[in-house]
Amino acid sequence: MLRFLTMRILSAIPLLLLLSVVTFSIIQAPPGDYGDYIRSMAVNQGGATPEQAEIQADAYRVANGLDQPFVTQYFNWIGGILTRFDFGHSLYYNKDVGTVVTERLPATIALALVCHILASVLGIGLGILAATRQYSWVDTTLGIISFLGMTIPRFLLAIIILYIMVFRLNVQEVGMFFSAKYGGAPWSWDKFVNLVYHVWPVVFIATFGGLAYNMRVMRANLLDVLNAQYIETARAKGLPEAAVIMKHAVPNALHPLIAYQGVVLPYMLSGEIEVAIVFGLATVGPAIVGSMGVGDVFVTATFMLVLATTLIIGNIIADLLLVLIDPRIRLGGEA
C-alpha cells in the first residue's frame, strides 16, 4: 500500500507540471492582458487620452513582466512556486496570489465537502431504497427526482432560487456568508445557524446534482447485483433479506461509486463555483471569473492548478478506498 501511494504521488508531479503548461497556455491564448484593462480604466474612468492610456498600460506591462515572452512568464511563475512557494502577485486584487487563494479556497472546499457528503449519503441510501422497491411508486418518484437533478443546469436552478428569494420572499442578505452582526463574532450556535441560512441554496443546488447521479448509479448497480447467483445462494441459505442486501449486495454495488470519488471533488467544486457566481459568494468561482475577465493570469492559473491537484488527490483516495472495501483488489503488484 505504501509503495503504491508513493508511486502515485511521484507520478502526479510530472502530470501537474504538464497541466500547468496547458493551463497557462490556454489562459494566455486570447488576445489582451491586464495592461489592456489598465488602458481601458484610464480612458473610461481616469479621463486620459488614448495615447496617455497606452503609455500607462505599457509602463504597467514592463513593471509587472507582462511584456516578456510567454515562456519567460511561465518559468517565472512555476519557478516561484517550486523554489519559494510563491504563486505570483495578483494584478487585480493587488496582493499575493497565495493570499487570494487562502482567503477563498477553505470556504470553497468546506462547501464542496459538505455537498459531497450529503450527496453520497443521501444518493446511496435513496438508490438502495429505489432498487429494493423496483417499479413501485417510490421507485418512480425517486426516478423523477434523479432525472431532474441530472438534467436541470445548476446555474439555471440557482437563478430561479435567487429570483424567488429576492423578488418573492424579499430576502435582503444575498451574496454573503453571515449577517453583519456575526461578521467578526466568535463561533456560536447562532452564528452557525446564520451561516446555514445564507449558504443553504449553494449546498442544496450542488448536492442535488451529485445526489441524482449517486442514486441512479446505485440503483442500477444494485439491481444487477441482486440478480447474481451468489445472492440467490445467500437467500437459499435462509439469510434475512436485510442481511442479503446490506452485507452481500451493497458492498459489491458500491465499486463504481467509489471509483467515481476520484472525480467527485472537482465536480462538487465546479458545482459550487457555478452557484457561487450566481449568488456572488466570496469563494473560488467569482475569483476565477473576475481574474479571467481582466487578464489576471496568475490568479486564474493558480486556481486551475489547485483544481487539477484535487482531481489527482481524489483519484488516489478512490483507489485506496477500493482496496479497503474489497480485499480481492491488489494495487501496485502486491501479492
Protein backbone atom coordinates (compact mmCIF):
# COMPACT_ATOMS: atom_id res chain seq x y z
CA MET A 1 0.00 0.00 0.00
CA LEU A 2 2.79 2.42 0.92
CA ARG A 3 4.64 1.61 -2.30
CA PHE A 4 1.51 2.26 -4.34
CA LEU A 5 0.87 5.57 -2.58
CA THR A 6 4.47 6.70 -3.10
CA MET A 7 4.42 5.81 -6.80
CA ARG A 8 1.12 7.62 -7.35
CA ILE A 9 2.41 10.77 -5.67
CA LEU A 10 5.65 10.71 -7.66
CA SER A 11 3.78 10.13 -10.93
CA ALA A 12 1.49 13.07 -10.15
CA ILE A 13 4.38 15.56 -10.19
CA PRO A 14 5.11 15.49 -13.96
CA LEU A 15 1.36 15.38 -14.61
CA LEU A 16 0.86 18.57 -12.62
CA LEU A 17 3.73 20.24 -14.49
CA LEU A 18 2.14 19.27 -17.81
CA LEU A 19 -1.24 20.57 -16.64
CA SER A 20 0.36 23.83 -15.55
CA VAL A 21 1.81 24.32 -19.05
CA VAL A 22 -1.52 23.55 -20.73
CA THR A 23 -3.45 25.78 -18.33
CA PHE A 24 -1.06 28.69 -18.66
CA SER A 25 -1.10 28.37 -22.47
CA ILE A 26 -4.92 28.34 -22.65
CA ILE A 27 -5.22 31.36 -20.36
CA GLN A 28 -2.65 33.30 -22.38
CA ALA A 29 -4.15 32.31 -25.74
CA PRO A 30 -6.88 35.00 -26.00
CA PRO A 31 -5.62 38.42 -27.12
CA GLY A 32 -5.09 41.10 -24.49
CA ASP A 33 -3.71 41.19 -20.96
CA TYR A 34 -4.08 43.19 -17.75
CA GLY A 35 -2.39 46.12 -19.47
CA ASP A 36 -5.44 46.43 -21.72
CA TYR A 37 -7.61 46.61 -18.59
CA ILE A 38 -5.38 49.42 -17.25
CA ARG A 39 -5.71 51.27 -20.53
CA SER A 40 -9.49 50.90 -20.56
CA MET A 41 -9.80 52.13 -16.97
CA ALA A 42 -7.52 55.09 -17.69
CA VAL A 43 -9.69 56.19 -20.63
CA ASN A 44 -13.14 55.46 -19.16
CA GLN A 45 -12.61 56.50 -15.56
CA GLY A 46 -9.36 58.44 -15.48
CA GLY A 47 -10.12 60.79 -18.36
CA ALA A 48 -6.83 60.03 -20.11
CA THR A 49 -6.38 60.26 -23.84
CA PRO A 50 -5.81 57.02 -25.78
CA GLU A 51 -2.12 57.90 -26.15
CA GLN A 52 -1.68 58.57 -22.43
CA ALA A 53 -3.59 55.43 -21.55
CA GLU A 54 -1.37 53.35 -23.85
CA ILE A 55 1.74 54.77 -22.18
CA GLN A 56 0.35 53.82 -18.76
CA ALA A 57 -0.50 50.33 -19.99
CA ASP A 58 2.98 49.79 -21.45
CA ALA A 59 4.61 51.02 -18.25
CA TYR A 60 2.47 48.61 -16.22
CA ARG A 61 3.40 45.71 -18.51
CA VAL A 62 7.11 46.42 -18.10
CA ALA A 63 6.82 46.83 -14.32
CA ASN A 64 4.99 43.50 -13.91
CA GLY A 65 6.75 41.42 -16.56
CA LEU A 66 3.76 41.23 -18.90
CA ASP A 67 5.91 42.40 -21.81
CA GLN A 68 8.09 39.30 -21.58
CA PRO A 69 7.60 36.25 -23.85
CA PHE A 70 5.17 33.55 -22.84
CA VAL A 71 7.92 31.06 -21.98
CA THR A 72 9.64 33.56 -19.67
CA GLN A 73 6.39 34.41 -17.90
CA TYR A 74 5.61 30.72 -17.37
CA PHE A 75 9.02 29.82 -15.97
CA ASN A 76 8.98 32.85 -13.69
CA TRP A 77 5.61 31.72 -12.35
CA ILE A 78 6.34 27.99 -12.00
CA GLY A 79 9.85 28.69 -10.72
CA GLY A 80 8.46 30.86 -7.94
CA ILE A 81 6.08 28.07 -6.94
CA LEU A 82 8.76 25.37 -6.87
CA THR A 83 11.52 27.38 -5.19
CA ARG A 84 9.70 29.81 -2.89
CA PHE A 85 6.09 28.54 -2.88
CA ASP A 86 5.27 31.92 -4.39
CA PHE A 87 2.31 31.89 -6.78
CA GLY A 88 2.95 35.41 -8.01
CA HIS A 89 1.26 38.75 -7.47
CA SER A 90 -2.38 39.33 -8.29
CA LEU A 91 -2.67 42.38 -10.53
CA TYR A 92 -6.40 42.81 -9.98
CA TYR A 93 -6.54 42.22 -6.21
CA ASN A 94 -3.13 43.89 -5.66
CA LYS A 95 -1.96 41.20 -3.25
CA ASP A 96 -0.11 37.90 -3.36
CA VAL A 97 -1.96 35.16 -5.22
CA GLY A 98 -1.37 32.87 -2.25
CA THR A 99 -3.31 35.31 -0.08
CA VAL A 100 -6.20 35.36 -2.55
CA VAL A 101 -6.24 31.55 -2.58
CA THR A 102 -6.12 31.18 1.21
CA GLU A 103 -8.93 33.71 1.58
CA ARG A 104 -11.31 31.86 -0.75
CA LEU A 105 -10.25 28.22 -1.05
CA PRO A 106 -11.05 26.99 2.51
CA ALA A 107 -14.68 28.12 2.30
CA THR A 108 -14.97 26.61 -1.18
CA ILE A 109 -13.56 23.23 -0.13
CA ALA A 110 -15.71 23.21 3.02
CA LEU A 111 -18.87 23.79 0.98
CA ALA A 112 -17.81 21.20 -1.61
CA LEU A 113 -17.11 18.57 1.08
CA VAL A 114 -20.46 19.18 2.77
CA CYS A 115 -22.21 18.83 -0.59
CA HIS A 116 -20.22 15.68 -1.38
CA ILE A 117 -21.04 14.00 1.94
CA LEU A 118 -24.74 14.83 1.66
CA ALA A 119 -24.89 13.74 -1.98
CA SER A 120 -23.12 10.45 -1.23
CA VAL A 121 -25.11 9.51 1.88
CA LEU A 122 -28.50 10.54 0.52
CA GLY A 123 -27.84 9.33 -3.02
CA ILE A 124 -26.64 5.87 -1.98
CA GLY A 125 -29.43 5.48 0.56
CA LEU A 126 -32.14 6.52 -1.88
CA GLY A 127 -30.58 4.33 -4.59
CA ILE A 128 -30.84 1.29 -2.29
CA LEU A 129 -34.43 2.23 -1.49
CA ALA A 130 -35.33 2.55 -5.18
CA ALA A 131 -33.65 -0.75 -6.15
CA THR A 132 -35.34 -2.74 -3.38
CA ARG A 133 -38.73 -1.32 -4.40
CA GLN A 134 -38.36 -1.65 -8.15
CA TYR A 135 -41.30 -0.35 -10.25
CA SER A 136 -43.18 0.86 -7.17
CA TRP A 137 -44.38 4.43 -6.69
CA VAL A 138 -41.29 5.02 -4.54
CA ASP A 139 -39.01 3.95 -7.38
CA THR A 140 -40.94 6.10 -9.86
CA THR A 141 -40.81 9.20 -7.63
CA LEU A 142 -37.09 8.81 -6.97
CA GLY A 143 -36.51 8.26 -10.68
CA ILE A 144 -38.20 11.58 -11.47
CA ILE A 145 -36.03 13.31 -8.86
CA SER A 146 -32.93 11.71 -10.33
CA PHE A 147 -33.89 12.78 -13.84
CA LEU A 148 -34.46 16.39 -12.76
CA GLY A 149 -31.20 16.51 -10.82
CA MET A 150 -29.16 15.34 -13.79
CA THR A 151 -30.85 17.48 -16.44
CA ILE A 152 -31.54 20.88 -14.86
CA PRO A 153 -28.43 23.10 -15.20
CA ARG A 154 -27.13 24.20 -11.83
CA PHE A 155 -26.77 27.82 -12.83
CA LEU A 156 -30.40 27.88 -14.01
CA LEU A 157 -31.62 26.42 -10.74
CA ALA A 158 -29.50 29.00 -8.89
CA ILE A 159 -31.08 31.84 -10.87
CA ILE A 160 -34.58 30.54 -10.15
CA ILE A 161 -33.93 30.26 -6.41
CA LEU A 162 -32.26 33.68 -6.36
CA TYR A 163 -35.27 35.22 -8.11
CA ILE A 164 -37.69 33.65 -5.63
CA MET A 165 -35.61 34.73 -2.63
CA VAL A 166 -35.08 38.34 -3.73
CA PHE A 167 -38.25 39.24 -5.63
CA ARG A 168 -40.82 36.97 -3.96
CA LEU A 169 -39.58 36.49 -0.41
CA ASN A 170 -37.79 39.87 -0.13
CA VAL A 171 -34.58 38.35 1.23
CA GLN A 172 -32.06 41.18 1.58
CA GLU A 173 -28.86 39.43 2.64
CA VAL A 174 -27.65 37.69 -0.52
CA GLY A 175 -24.04 37.16 -1.52
CA MET A 176 -22.56 36.82 1.97
CA PHE A 177 -21.80 34.09 4.48
CA PHE A 178 -23.00 35.90 7.60
CA SER A 179 -25.21 38.78 8.63
CA ALA A 180 -23.38 41.97 9.55
CA LYS A 181 -23.62 41.38 13.31
CA TYR A 182 -21.94 37.97 13.01
CA GLY A 183 -19.09 39.07 10.73
CA GLY A 184 -16.36 39.30 13.37
CA ALA A 185 -18.13 37.45 16.19
CA PRO A 186 -16.70 34.21 17.65
CA TRP A 187 -18.28 30.93 16.65
CA SER A 188 -21.52 30.06 18.39
CA TRP A 189 -24.66 28.11 17.63
CA ASP A 190 -26.44 31.29 16.49
CA LYS A 191 -23.58 32.10 14.12
CA PHE A 192 -23.68 28.57 12.70
CA VAL A 193 -27.44 28.83 12.13
CA ASN A 194 -26.86 32.19 10.44
CA LEU A 195 -24.25 30.59 8.18
CA VAL A 196 -26.67 27.81 7.19
CA TYR A 197 -29.35 30.43 6.49
CA HIS A 198 -27.03 32.15 3.98
CA VAL A 199 -25.41 29.16 2.24
CA TRP A 200 -28.27 26.65 2.03
CA PRO A 201 -29.04 27.49 -1.64
CA VAL A 202 -25.44 26.70 -2.64
CA VAL A 203 -25.43 23.45 -0.64
CA PHE A 204 -28.85 22.41 -1.95
CA ILE A 205 -28.09 23.03 -5.63
CA ALA A 206 -24.61 21.49 -5.61
CA THR A 207 -25.89 18.48 -3.63
CA PHE A 208 -28.90 17.95 -5.89
CA GLY A 209 -26.87 17.05 -8.97
CA GLY A 210 -24.49 14.74 -7.11
CA LEU A 211 -27.34 13.07 -5.25
CA ALA A 212 -29.15 12.35 -8.51
CA TYR A 213 -26.06 10.73 -10.07
CA ASN A 214 -25.30 8.61 -6.99
CA MET A 215 -28.92 7.49 -6.73
CA ARG A 216 -29.13 6.50 -10.39
CA VAL A 217 -25.84 4.57 -10.42
CA MET A 218 -26.52 2.85 -7.08
CA ARG A 219 -29.96 1.72 -8.20
CA ALA A 220 -28.66 0.27 -11.48
CA ASN A 221 -25.66 -1.46 -9.88
CA LEU A 222 -27.67 -2.91 -7.02
CA LEU A 223 -30.31 -4.32 -9.37
CA ASP A 224 -27.55 -6.10 -11.32
CA VAL A 225 -26.00 -7.50 -8.16
CA LEU A 226 -29.35 -8.67 -6.75
CA ASN A 227 -29.77 -10.90 -9.80
CA ALA A 228 -26.37 -12.54 -9.31
CA GLN A 229 -26.15 -16.24 -8.39
CA TYR A 230 -24.37 -15.72 -5.08
CA ILE A 231 -27.26 -13.52 -3.92
CA GLU A 232 -29.70 -16.31 -4.73
CA THR A 233 -27.44 -18.70 -2.81
CA ALA A 234 -27.45 -16.39 0.22
CA ARG A 235 -31.24 -16.25 0.13
CA ALA A 236 -31.46 -20.03 -0.24
CA LYS A 237 -29.43 -20.40 2.96
CA GLY A 238 -32.18 -18.59 4.80
CA LEU A 239 -30.38 -15.29 5.48
CA PRO A 240 -32.68 -12.35 6.26
CA GLU A 241 -33.33 -10.11 3.24
CA ALA A 242 -31.78 -7.11 5.02
CA ALA A 243 -28.57 -9.06 5.61
CA VAL A 244 -28.50 -10.26 1.99
CA ILE A 245 -28.82 -6.71 0.72
CA MET A 246 -26.57 -4.81 3.16
CA LYS A 247 -23.83 -7.44 3.71
CA HIS A 248 -23.61 -9.09 0.31
CA ALA A 249 -25.19 -6.94 -2.39
CA VAL A 250 -24.48 -3.32 -1.39
CA PRO A 251 -20.67 -3.63 -0.91
CA ASN A 252 -20.29 -5.09 -4.40
CA ALA A 253 -22.59 -2.48 -5.91
CA LEU A 254 -20.51 0.33 -4.42
CA HIS A 255 -17.42 -0.25 -6.60
CA PRO A 256 -18.33 2.14 -9.46
CA LEU A 257 -19.41 4.81 -6.99
CA ILE A 258 -16.15 4.55 -5.09
CA ALA A 259 -14.20 4.85 -8.34
CA TYR A 260 -16.31 7.92 -9.10
CA GLN A 261 -14.98 9.57 -5.93
CA GLY A 262 -11.80 10.26 -7.88
CA VAL A 263 -13.54 12.98 -9.86
CA VAL A 264 -16.33 13.94 -7.49
CA LEU A 265 -14.41 16.62 -5.55
CA PRO A 266 -13.60 18.67 -8.68
CA TYR A 267 -17.21 18.04 -9.78
CA MET A 268 -18.51 19.41 -6.48
CA LEU A 269 -16.06 22.30 -6.66
CA SER A 270 -17.28 23.17 -10.16
CA GLY A 271 -20.90 22.91 -8.98
CA GLU A 272 -20.15 25.19 -6.05
CA ILE A 273 -18.32 27.58 -8.39
CA GLU A 274 -21.32 27.91 -10.74
CA VAL A 275 -23.76 28.58 -7.92
CA ALA A 276 -21.37 30.88 -6.04
CA ILE A 277 -21.01 33.03 -9.15
CA VAL A 278 -24.78 33.50 -9.33
CA PHE A 279 -25.07 34.29 -5.60
CA GLY A 280 -21.85 36.32 -5.50
CA LEU A 281 -20.25 34.46 -2.60
CA ALA A 282 -16.59 35.17 -1.82
CA THR A 283 -15.35 31.78 -2.96
CA VAL A 284 -13.23 30.45 -5.81
CA GLY A 285 -15.87 30.88 -8.54
CA PRO A 286 -16.15 34.69 -8.63
CA ALA A 287 -12.36 34.98 -8.25
CA ILE A 288 -11.75 32.79 -11.32
CA VAL A 289 -14.32 34.62 -13.45
CA GLY A 290 -13.16 38.04 -12.29
CA SER A 291 -9.49 37.29 -12.91
CA MET A 292 -10.20 35.86 -16.37
CA GLY A 293 -12.25 38.92 -17.27
CA VAL A 294 -9.39 41.34 -16.61
CA GLY A 295 -6.47 39.14 -17.64
CA ASP A 296 -5.10 38.43 -14.14
CA VAL A 297 -3.37 35.32 -15.40
CA PHE A 298 -1.59 34.26 -12.22
CA VAL A 299 -4.79 34.03 -10.18
CA THR A 300 -6.60 32.05 -12.87
CA ALA A 301 -3.68 29.68 -13.48
CA THR A 302 -3.20 29.05 -9.76
CA PHE A 303 -6.84 28.19 -9.17
CA MET A 304 -6.85 25.88 -12.19
CA LEU A 305 -3.75 24.16 -10.82
CA VAL A 306 -5.50 23.73 -7.47
CA LEU A 307 -8.50 22.10 -9.18
CA ALA A 308 -6.16 19.75 -11.06
CA THR A 309 -4.48 18.83 -7.77
CA THR A 310 -7.85 17.96 -6.20
CA LEU A 311 -8.57 15.68 -9.16
CA ILE A 312 -5.31 13.78 -8.67
CA ILE A 313 -5.77 13.54 -4.89
CA GLY A 314 -9.34 12.34 -5.39
CA ASN A 315 -8.22 9.53 -7.70
CA ILE A 316 -5.60 8.37 -5.21
CA ILE A 317 -8.16 8.34 -2.39
CA ALA A 318 -10.62 6.42 -4.59
CA ASP A 319 -8.04 3.72 -5.29
CA LEU A 320 -7.28 3.35 -1.59
CA LEU A 321 -10.98 3.09 -0.74
CA LEU A 322 -11.44 0.35 -3.34
CA VAL A 323 -8.73 -1.70 -1.65
CA LEU A 324 -10.29 -1.20 1.77
CA ILE A 325 -13.80 -2.23 0.68
CA ASP A 326 -12.71 -5.19 -1.45
CA PRO A 327 -9.65 -7.18 -0.25
CA ARG A 328 -9.56 -9.01 -3.59
CA ILE A 329 -8.20 -5.88 -5.23
CA ARG A 330 -4.42 -5.57 -5.11
CA LEU A 331 -2.58 -2.47 -6.25
CA GLY A 332 1.00 -1.95 -7.30
CA GLY A 333 1.69 -5.65 -7.91
CA GLU A 334 1.17 -6.69 -4.28
CA ALA A 335 0.51 -10.36 -3.69
